[in-house]
Amino acid sequence: MADETQEPRRHGVWVALLLVPILYTLSIGPAHYFIRRTDKGVRPYVRAYTPVIWLHDHTSLEKPLERYLQWWGALVH
């Protein structure tokens, strides 16, 4: 019985471990929109998204991230 009650918890942990990094990475879009819309400084933005910026600069995610940010940036205009 103890194994049955722990099974949903295990699934929840794995889902969280997968979703949190994905949602964090995708949250750069709304943050980009907010920064462009409010003309706030970019220093906290850069500090908060340094790992995503690194992914942009050092992996094959460069083009998809650029397109994603361009899409969010287009919402400002």
Protein backbone atom coordinates (compact mmCIF):
# COMPACT_ATOMS: atom_id res chain seq x y z
CA MET A 1 0.00 0.00 0.00
CA ALA A 2 2.81 2.45 0.78
CA ASP A 3 4.09 2.11 -2.79
CA GLU A 4 0.68 3.02 -4.20
CA THR A 5 0.54 6.30 -2.26
CA GLN A 6 4.06 7.26 -3.30
CA GLU A 7 3.44 6.64 -7.01
CA PRO A 8 1.56 9.93 -7.65
CA ARG A 9 4.21 11.85 -5.73
CA ARG A 10 6.96 10.42 -7.90
CA HIS A 11 5.10 11.43 -11.04
CA GLY A 12 4.57 14.90 -9.62
CA VAL A 13 8.27 15.30 -8.87
CA TRP A 14 9.24 14.24 -12.40
CA VAL A 15 6.67 16.53 -13.95
CA ALA A 16 7.95 19.42 -11.85
CA LEU A 17 11.57 18.64 -12.74
CA LEU A 18 10.66 18.76 -16.42
CA LEU A 19 8.23 21.68 -16.37
CA VAL A 20 10.11 24.15 -14.18
CA PRO A 21 13.11 24.56 -16.54
CA ILE A 22 10.83 24.72 -19.58
CA LEU A 23 8.56 27.33 -18.00
CA TYR A 24 11.56 29.32 -16.77
CA THR A 25 13.04 29.36 -20.27
CA LEU A 26 9.74 30.37 -21.83
CA SER A 27 9.22 33.11 -19.25
CA ILE A 28 11.96 35.13 -20.93
CA GLY A 29 9.38 36.12 -23.56
CA PRO A 30 6.93 37.86 -21.20
CA ALA A 31 9.89 39.38 -19.34
CA HIS A 32 11.22 40.74 -22.65
CA TYR A 33 7.78 42.16 -23.41
CA PHE A 34 7.59 43.81 -19.97
CA ILE A 35 11.06 45.35 -20.27
CA ARG A 36 10.34 46.77 -23.73
CA ARG A 37 6.91 48.01 -22.72
CA THR A 38 7.94 49.73 -19.51
CA ASP A 39 11.44 50.94 -20.46
CA LYS A 40 12.84 49.50 -17.23
CA GLY A 41 16.53 48.76 -16.96
CA VAL A 42 17.79 45.50 -18.37
CA ARG A 43 20.28 44.67 -15.61
CA PRO A 44 17.85 42.61 -13.47
CA TYR A 45 16.53 41.00 -16.65
CA VAL A 46 20.01 39.95 -17.74
CA ARG A 47 20.86 38.72 -14.26
CA ALA A 48 17.67 36.68 -13.96
CA TYR A 49 17.99 35.13 -17.41
CA THR A 50 21.76 34.53 -17.59
CA PRO A 51 21.24 30.75 -18.04
CA VAL A 52 18.84 31.31 -20.94
CA ILE A 53 21.21 33.84 -22.49
CA TRP A 54 23.96 31.24 -22.19
CA LEU A 55 21.73 28.70 -23.96
CA HIS A 56 21.16 31.25 -26.71
CA ASP A 57 24.87 31.94 -27.11
CA HIS A 58 26.22 28.39 -26.84
CA THR A 59 23.61 25.95 -28.17
CA SER A 60 21.43 25.38 -31.18
CA LEU A 61 18.60 27.23 -29.41
CA GLU A 62 19.91 30.53 -30.74
CA LYS A 63 17.49 30.84 -33.67
CA PRO A 64 14.38 29.55 -31.86
CA LEU A 65 15.00 31.87 -28.90
CA GLU A 66 15.53 34.83 -31.23
CA ARG A 67 12.27 34.11 -33.04
CA TYR A 68 10.46 33.69 -29.74
CA LEU A 69 11.76 37.03 -28.45
CA GLN A 70 10.95 38.73 -31.76
CA TRP A 71 7.39 37.45 -31.47
CA TRP A 72 7.08 38.89 -27.94
CA GLY A 73 8.77 42.09 -29.07
CA ALA A 74 6.26 42.47 -31.90
CA LEU A 75 3.46 42.55 -29.33
CA VAL A 76 4.87 45.84 -28.02
CA HIS A 77 4.42 47.63 -31.34
